[in-house]
Amino acid sequence: MNKRPNIKIGLFGGTFDPIHNGHLITIQNVLEKRKLDKVIFIPCNISPHKTIRNVSSPNHRLNMLKLAISNFPKFEFSDYEINKGGISYSIDTINHFKMTYPKIELIIGYDNFNVFDKWHKPDDIINECTVLVIKRKENAELKKNKYLKSVIILDTPTIDISSTEIRKRIKNGKYIDFFVPQKVRQYIIKNHLYR
């Protein structure tokens, strides 16, 4: 990998089951506020925080992600965690991308930050990159933990969309037209996901 020291990137990992418009609006906002050159979306293979729920196959989640960001030149995807296999730990992903991009900002939600002390090697994450905490819900409460002064809290637009809600709507035969990009909706229908 060639080093690209002058490029500042954001890493945004998640289950993306499915990716939705809330993700896209929020990350575009982060990209602009932080003047990032690009954001790389990284679907996890197995999330350490969501090992109980049945998750759609990595291929489906990656395909939906590719469709969702295809029109955004500053959005990219990586299948690094899927190809690596096993449980996806952020510190491994950060170390992988640091070989190419020394300036990394890790984008996480406030709900993840509230359990950040339980993450795998949180001190290493803080030392290796800038951690951005986004608040997607208006009354989002940040729990005080020892990392609060080491992260940057970003106010982003309040968008009350969740992948859980989208899956429920599909199961109940309700519209999801305004929740996900059109190409993602078509992919979900074609592949009979979440029924």
C-alpha atoms as a PDB file:
ATOM      1  CA  MET A   1       0.000   0.000   0.000  1.00  0.00           C
ATOM      2  CA  ASN A   2       1.258   3.491  -0.856  1.00  0.00           C
ATOM      3  CA  LYS A   3       1.163   6.071   1.929  1.00  0.00           C
ATOM      4  CA  ARG A   4      -1.126   9.036   1.264  1.00  0.00           C
ATOM      5  CA  PRO A   5      -0.236  11.426   4.100  1.00  0.00           C
ATOM      6  CA  ASN A   6      -2.104  14.466   2.751  1.00  0.00           C
ATOM      7  CA  ILE A   7      -5.490  12.796   2.590  1.00  0.00           C
ATOM      8  CA  LYS A   8      -7.779  12.920   5.622  1.00  0.00           C
ATOM      9  CA  ILE A   9     -10.344  10.145   5.634  1.00  0.00           C
ATOM     10  CA  GLY A  10     -13.291   9.123   7.743  1.00  0.00           C
ATOM     11  CA  LEU A  11     -13.973   5.487   8.570  1.00  0.00           C
ATOM     12  CA  PHE A  12     -17.601   4.575   9.188  1.00  0.00           C
ATOM     13  CA  GLY A  13     -18.252   0.984  10.141  1.00  0.00           C
ATOM     14  CA  GLY A  14     -21.502  -0.759  10.873  1.00  0.00           C
ATOM     15  CA  THR A  15     -23.777  -3.674  10.195  1.00  0.00           C
ATOM     16  CA  PHE A  16     -25.675  -1.723   7.484  1.00  0.00           C
ATOM     17  CA  ASP A  17     -28.604  -4.140   7.547  1.00  0.00           C
ATOM     18  CA  PRO A  18     -29.768  -2.235   5.549  1.00  0.00           C
ATOM     19  CA  ILE A  19     -27.918   1.027   4.942  1.00  0.00           C
ATOM     20  CA  HIS A  20     -30.453   3.883   4.924  1.00  0.00           C
ATOM     21  CA  ASN A  21     -30.859   7.574   4.127  1.00  0.00           C
ATOM     22  CA  GLY A  22     -30.124   8.522   7.736  1.00  0.00           C
ATOM     23  CA  HIS A  23     -26.616   7.087   7.354  1.00  0.00           C
ATOM     24  CA  LEU A  24     -26.029   8.976   4.093  1.00  0.00           C
ATOM     25  CA  ILE A  25     -27.322  12.369   5.270  1.00  0.00           C
ATOM     26  CA  THR A  26     -25.386  12.140   8.532  1.00  0.00           C
ATOM     27  CA  ILE A  27     -22.106  11.104   6.905  1.00  0.00           C
ATOM     28  CA  GLN A  28     -22.352  13.794   4.218  1.00  0.00           C
ATOM     29  CA  ASN A  29     -22.759  16.287   7.065  1.00  0.00           C
ATOM     30  CA  VAL A  30     -19.689  14.892   8.874  1.00  0.00           C
ATOM     31  CA  LEU A  31     -17.639  14.972   5.653  1.00  0.00           C
ATOM     32  CA  GLU A  32     -18.449  18.671   5.165  1.00  0.00           C
ATOM     33  CA  LYS A  33     -17.988  19.724   8.801  1.00  0.00           C
ATOM     34  CA  ARG A  34     -14.671  17.912   9.192  1.00  0.00           C
ATOM     35  CA  LYS A  35     -13.430  18.732   5.644  1.00  0.00           C
ATOM     36  CA  LEU A  36     -12.676  15.078   4.979  1.00  0.00           C
ATOM     37  CA  ASP A  37     -11.343  14.036   1.575  1.00  0.00           C
ATOM     38  CA  LYS A  38     -13.510  10.947   1.662  1.00  0.00           C
ATOM     39  CA  VAL A  39     -15.393   8.566   3.930  1.00  0.00           C
ATOM     40  CA  ILE A  40     -14.965   4.804   3.658  1.00  0.00           C
ATOM     41  CA  PHE A  41     -18.020   2.764   4.669  1.00  0.00           C
ATOM     42  CA  ILE A  42     -17.014  -0.591   6.139  1.00  0.00           C
ATOM     43  CA  PRO A  43     -19.642  -3.282   6.688  1.00  0.00           C
ATOM     44  CA  CYS A  44     -18.575  -5.530   9.540  1.00  0.00           C
ATOM     45  CA  ASN A  45     -18.365  -9.272   9.201  1.00  0.00           C
ATOM     46  CA  ILE A  46     -19.593  -9.996  12.731  1.00  0.00           C
ATOM     47  CA  SER A  47     -20.169  -7.030  15.035  1.00  0.00           C
ATOM     48  CA  PRO A  48     -18.869  -7.584  18.577  1.00  0.00           C
ATOM     49  CA  HIS A  49     -22.004  -5.712  19.768  1.00  0.00           C
ATOM     50  CA  LYS A  50     -24.604  -7.583  17.698  1.00  0.00           C
ATOM     51  CA  THR A  51     -23.648 -11.251  17.840  1.00  0.00           C
ATOM     52  CA  ILE A  52     -27.121 -12.386  18.986  1.00  0.00           C
ATOM     53  CA  ARG A  53     -29.379 -11.156  16.163  1.00  0.00           C
ATOM     54  CA  ASN A  54     -29.481 -12.925  12.818  1.00  0.00           C
ATOM     55  CA  VAL A  55     -27.841 -10.554  10.355  1.00  0.00           C
ATOM     56  CA  SER A  56     -28.212 -10.637   6.569  1.00  0.00           C
ATOM     57  CA  SER A  57     -25.306 -12.197   4.692  1.00  0.00           C
ATOM     58  CA  PRO A  58     -22.220  -9.996   4.275  1.00  0.00           C
ATOM     59  CA  ASN A  59     -22.691 -10.074   0.492  1.00  0.00           C
ATOM     60  CA  HIS A  60     -26.222  -8.662   0.668  1.00  0.00           C
ATOM     61  CA  ARG A  61     -25.150  -5.927   3.073  1.00  0.00           C
ATOM     62  CA  LEU A  62     -22.134  -5.028   0.932  1.00  0.00           C
ATOM     63  CA  ASN A  63     -24.199  -5.005  -2.279  1.00  0.00           C
ATOM     64  CA  MET A  64     -26.782  -2.661  -0.722  1.00  0.00           C
ATOM     65  CA  LEU A  65     -23.988  -0.392   0.489  1.00  0.00           C
ATOM     66  CA  LYS A  66     -22.396  -0.240  -2.978  1.00  0.00           C
ATOM     67  CA  LEU A  67     -25.753   0.716  -4.512  1.00  0.00           C
ATOM     68  CA  ALA A  68     -26.442   3.364  -1.857  1.00  0.00           C
ATOM     69  CA  ILE A  69     -23.146   5.252  -2.301  1.00  0.00           C
ATOM     70  CA  SER A  70     -22.654   4.752  -6.056  1.00  0.00           C
ATOM     71  CA  ASN A  71     -23.534   8.394  -6.891  1.00  0.00           C
ATOM     72  CA  PHE A  72     -21.333   9.974  -4.209  1.00  0.00           C
ATOM     73  CA  PRO A  73     -17.727  10.470  -5.397  1.00  0.00           C
ATOM     74  CA  LYS A  74     -16.411  11.117  -1.860  1.00  0.00           C
ATOM     75  CA  PHE A  75     -18.000   7.958  -0.446  1.00  0.00           C
ATOM     76  CA  GLU A  76     -16.170   4.642  -0.848  1.00  0.00           C
ATOM     77  CA  PHE A  77     -16.642   1.156   0.555  1.00  0.00           C
ATOM     78  CA  SER A  78     -14.253  -1.462   1.837  1.00  0.00           C
ATOM     79  CA  ASP A  79     -14.823  -5.190   2.200  1.00  0.00           C
ATOM     80  CA  TYR A  80     -11.773  -5.468   4.480  1.00  0.00           C
ATOM     81  CA  GLU A  81     -13.700  -6.679   7.562  1.00  0.00           C
ATOM     82  CA  ILE A  82     -15.839  -9.099   5.567  1.00  0.00           C
ATOM     83  CA  ASN A  83     -12.782 -10.629   3.859  1.00  0.00           C
ATOM     84  CA  LYS A  84     -10.874 -10.771   7.151  1.00  0.00           C
ATOM     85  CA  GLY A  85     -13.658 -12.873   8.692  1.00  0.00           C
ATOM     86  CA  GLY A  86     -14.435 -13.404  12.358  1.00  0.00           C
ATOM     87  CA  ILE A  87     -15.458 -10.631  14.743  1.00  0.00           C
ATOM     88  CA  SER A  88     -14.723  -7.139  13.428  1.00  0.00           C
ATOM     89  CA  TYR A  89     -12.672  -5.031  15.836  1.00  0.00           C
ATOM     90  CA  SER A  90     -12.237  -1.332  15.024  1.00  0.00           C
ATOM     91  CA  ILE A  91      -8.601  -1.220  16.127  1.00  0.00           C
ATOM     92  CA  ASP A  92      -7.638  -3.873  13.517  1.00  0.00           C
ATOM     93  CA  THR A  93      -9.410  -1.906  10.793  1.00  0.00           C
ATOM     94  CA  ILE A  94      -7.780   1.369  11.864  1.00  0.00           C
ATOM     95  CA  ASN A  95      -4.318  -0.239  11.828  1.00  0.00           C
ATOM     96  CA  HIS A  96      -5.020  -1.665   8.367  1.00  0.00           C
ATOM     97  CA  PHE A  97      -5.990   1.728   6.906  1.00  0.00           C
ATOM     98  CA  LYS A  98      -3.192   3.584   8.700  1.00  0.00           C
ATOM     99  CA  MET A  99      -0.722   1.825   6.430  1.00  0.00           C
ATOM    100  CA  THR A 100      -2.126   4.010   3.640  1.00  0.00           C
ATOM    101  CA  TYR A 101      -3.802   6.956   5.379  1.00  0.00           C
ATOM    102  CA  PRO A 102      -2.039   8.374   8.451  1.00  0.00           C
ATOM    103  CA  LYS A 103      -4.888  10.895   9.033  1.00  0.00           C
ATOM    104  CA  ILE A 104      -7.929   8.894  10.091  1.00  0.00           C
ATOM    105  CA  GLU A 105     -11.127   9.990  11.806  1.00  0.00           C
ATOM    106  CA  LEU A 106     -13.293   7.167  13.149  1.00  0.00           C
ATOM    107  CA  ILE A 107     -17.004   8.026  13.039  1.00  0.00           C
ATOM    108  CA  ILE A 108     -19.179   6.380  15.698  1.00  0.00           C
ATOM    109  CA  GLY A 109     -22.674   6.978  17.037  1.00  0.00           C
ATOM    110  CA  TYR A 110     -23.404   8.262  20.536  1.00  0.00           C
ATOM    111  CA  ASP A 111     -24.905   4.861  21.450  1.00  0.00           C
ATOM    112  CA  ASN A 112     -21.582   3.199  20.632  1.00  0.00           C
ATOM    113  CA  PHE A 113     -19.674   5.871  22.515  1.00  0.00           C
ATOM    114  CA  ASN A 114     -21.769   5.150  25.612  1.00  0.00           C
ATOM    115  CA  VAL A 115     -20.258   1.639  25.696  1.00  0.00           C
ATOM    116  CA  PHE A 116     -16.871   2.668  24.284  1.00  0.00           C
ATOM    117  CA  ASP A 117     -15.062   1.586  27.464  1.00  0.00           C
ATOM    118  CA  LYS A 118     -16.238  -1.979  26.706  1.00  0.00           C
ATOM    119  CA  TRP A 119     -14.792  -1.928  23.161  1.00  0.00           C
ATOM    120  CA  HIS A 120     -11.719  -3.964  22.249  1.00  0.00           C
ATOM    121  CA  LYS A 121      -8.623  -1.836  23.052  1.00  0.00           C
ATOM    122  CA  PRO A 122     -10.363   1.571  23.348  1.00  0.00           C
ATOM    123  CA  ASP A 123      -7.147   3.308  24.502  1.00  0.00           C
ATOM    124  CA  ASP A 124      -5.361   2.165  21.346  1.00  0.00           C
ATOM    125  CA  ILE A 125      -8.221   3.502  19.203  1.00  0.00           C
ATOM    126  CA  ILE A 126      -7.975   6.929  20.893  1.00  0.00           C
ATOM    127  CA  ASN A 127      -4.196   6.951  20.351  1.00  0.00           C
ATOM    128  CA  GLU A 128      -4.308   5.879  16.695  1.00  0.00           C
ATOM    129  CA  CYS A 129      -6.990   8.202  15.294  1.00  0.00           C
ATOM    130  CA  THR A 130      -9.425  11.036  15.955  1.00  0.00           C
ATOM    131  CA  VAL A 131     -12.758   9.705  17.221  1.00  0.00           C
ATOM    132  CA  LEU A 132     -15.862  11.597  16.088  1.00  0.00           C
ATOM    133  CA  VAL A 133     -19.077  10.960  18.006  1.00  0.00           C
ATOM    134  CA  ILE A 134     -22.279  11.786  16.137  1.00  0.00           C
ATOM    135  CA  LYS A 135     -25.676  12.439  17.675  1.00  0.00           C
ATOM    136  CA  ARG A 136     -28.402  11.431  15.247  1.00  0.00           C
ATOM    137  CA  LYS A 137     -31.256  11.818  17.721  1.00  0.00           C
ATOM    138  CA  GLU A 138     -32.236  15.062  19.387  1.00  0.00           C
ATOM    139  CA  ASN A 139     -32.362  13.857  22.984  1.00  0.00           C
ATOM    140  CA  ALA A 140     -29.300  11.661  22.682  1.00  0.00           C
ATOM    141  CA  GLU A 141     -27.616  11.454  26.054  1.00  0.00           C
ATOM    142  CA  LEU A 142     -23.876  11.020  26.243  1.00  0.00           C
ATOM    143  CA  LYS A 143     -22.815   9.093  29.302  1.00  0.00           C
ATOM    144  CA  LYS A 144     -19.776  10.558  30.965  1.00  0.00           C
ATOM    145  CA  ASN A 145     -16.870   8.200  30.645  1.00  0.00           C
ATOM    146  CA  LYS A 146     -13.125   8.662  30.767  1.00  0.00           C
ATOM    147  CA  TYR A 147     -12.948   9.128  26.982  1.00  0.00           C
ATOM    148  CA  LEU A 148     -15.283  12.137  26.792  1.00  0.00           C
ATOM    149  CA  LYS A 149     -12.417  14.652  26.678  1.00  0.00           C
ATOM    150  CA  SER A 150     -10.536  12.602  24.059  1.00  0.00           C
ATOM    151  CA  VAL A 151     -13.251  12.622  21.384  1.00  0.00           C
ATOM    152  CA  ILE A 152     -14.945  15.249  19.218  1.00  0.00           C
ATOM    153  CA  ILE A 153     -18.718  15.491  19.615  1.00  0.00           C
ATOM    154  CA  LEU A 154     -20.444  16.488  16.372  1.00  0.00           C
ATOM    155  CA  ASP A 155     -23.992  17.726  16.156  1.00  0.00           C
ATOM    156  CA  THR A 156     -25.487  16.285  12.999  1.00  0.00           C
ATOM    157  CA  PRO A 157     -29.033  16.533  11.603  1.00  0.00           C
ATOM    158  CA  THR A 158     -31.646  14.723  13.673  1.00  0.00           C
ATOM    159  CA  ILE A 159     -32.788  11.813  11.527  1.00  0.00           C
ATOM    160  CA  ASP A 160     -34.880   9.261  13.313  1.00  0.00           C
ATOM    161  CA  ILE A 161     -34.429   6.317  10.954  1.00  0.00           C
ATOM    162  CA  SER A 162     -33.091   2.966  12.066  1.00  0.00           C
ATOM    163  CA  SER A 163     -32.309  -0.264  10.260  1.00  0.00           C
ATOM    164  CA  THR A 164     -34.417  -2.078  12.881  1.00  0.00           C
ATOM    165  CA  GLU A 165     -37.450   0.032  12.007  1.00  0.00           C
ATOM    166  CA  ILE A 166     -36.913  -0.559   8.264  1.00  0.00           C
ATOM    167  CA  ARG A 167     -36.740  -4.334   8.761  1.00  0.00           C
ATOM    168  CA  LYS A 168     -39.977  -4.216  10.805  1.00  0.00           C
ATOM    169  CA  ARG A 169     -41.729  -2.142   8.148  1.00  0.00           C
ATOM    170  CA  ILE A 170     -40.760  -4.624   5.429  1.00  0.00           C
ATOM    171  CA  LYS A 171     -41.926  -7.557   7.544  1.00  0.00           C
ATOM    172  CA  ASN A 172     -45.270  -5.798   8.059  1.00  0.00           C
ATOM    173  CA  GLY A 173     -45.658  -4.933   4.370  1.00  0.00           C
ATOM    174  CA  LYS A 174     -45.219  -1.169   4.863  1.00  0.00           C
ATOM    175  CA  TYR A 175     -43.538   1.312   2.516  1.00  0.00           C
ATOM    176  CA  ILE A 176     -39.839   2.065   2.938  1.00  0.00           C
ATOM    177  CA  ASP A 177     -39.574   4.432  -0.044  1.00  0.00           C
ATOM    178  CA  PHE A 178     -38.392   7.439   1.993  1.00  0.00           C
ATOM    179  CA  PHE A 179     -36.126   5.425   4.289  1.00  0.00           C
ATOM    180  CA  VAL A 180     -33.615   3.933   1.850  1.00  0.00           C
ATOM    181  CA  PRO A 181     -32.244   4.909  -1.574  1.00  0.00           C
ATOM    182  CA  GLN A 182     -34.396   3.625  -4.451  1.00  0.00           C
ATOM    183  CA  LYS A 183     -31.699   1.199  -5.652  1.00  0.00           C
ATOM    184  CA  VAL A 184     -31.490  -0.323  -2.159  1.00  0.00           C
ATOM    185  CA  ARG A 185     -35.284  -0.704  -1.996  1.00  0.00           C
ATOM    186  CA  GLN A 186     -35.259  -2.505  -5.348  1.00  0.00           C
ATOM    187  CA  TYR A 187     -32.447  -4.797  -4.184  1.00  0.00           C
ATOM    188  CA  ILE A 188     -34.361  -5.670  -0.978  1.00  0.00           C
ATOM    189  CA  ILE A 189     -37.504  -6.528  -2.985  1.00  0.00           C
ATOM    190  CA  LYS A 190     -35.624  -8.523  -5.621  1.00  0.00           C
ATOM    191  CA  ASN A 191     -33.797 -10.606  -2.976  1.00  0.00           C
ATOM    192  CA  HIS A 192     -36.783 -11.000  -0.633  1.00  0.00           C
ATOM    193  CA  LEU A 193     -34.855  -9.627   2.350  1.00  0.00           C
ATOM    194  CA  TYR A 194     -36.380  -9.143   5.822  1.00  0.00           C
ATOM    195  CA  ARG A 195     -39.637 -10.957   4.995  1.00  0.00           C
END
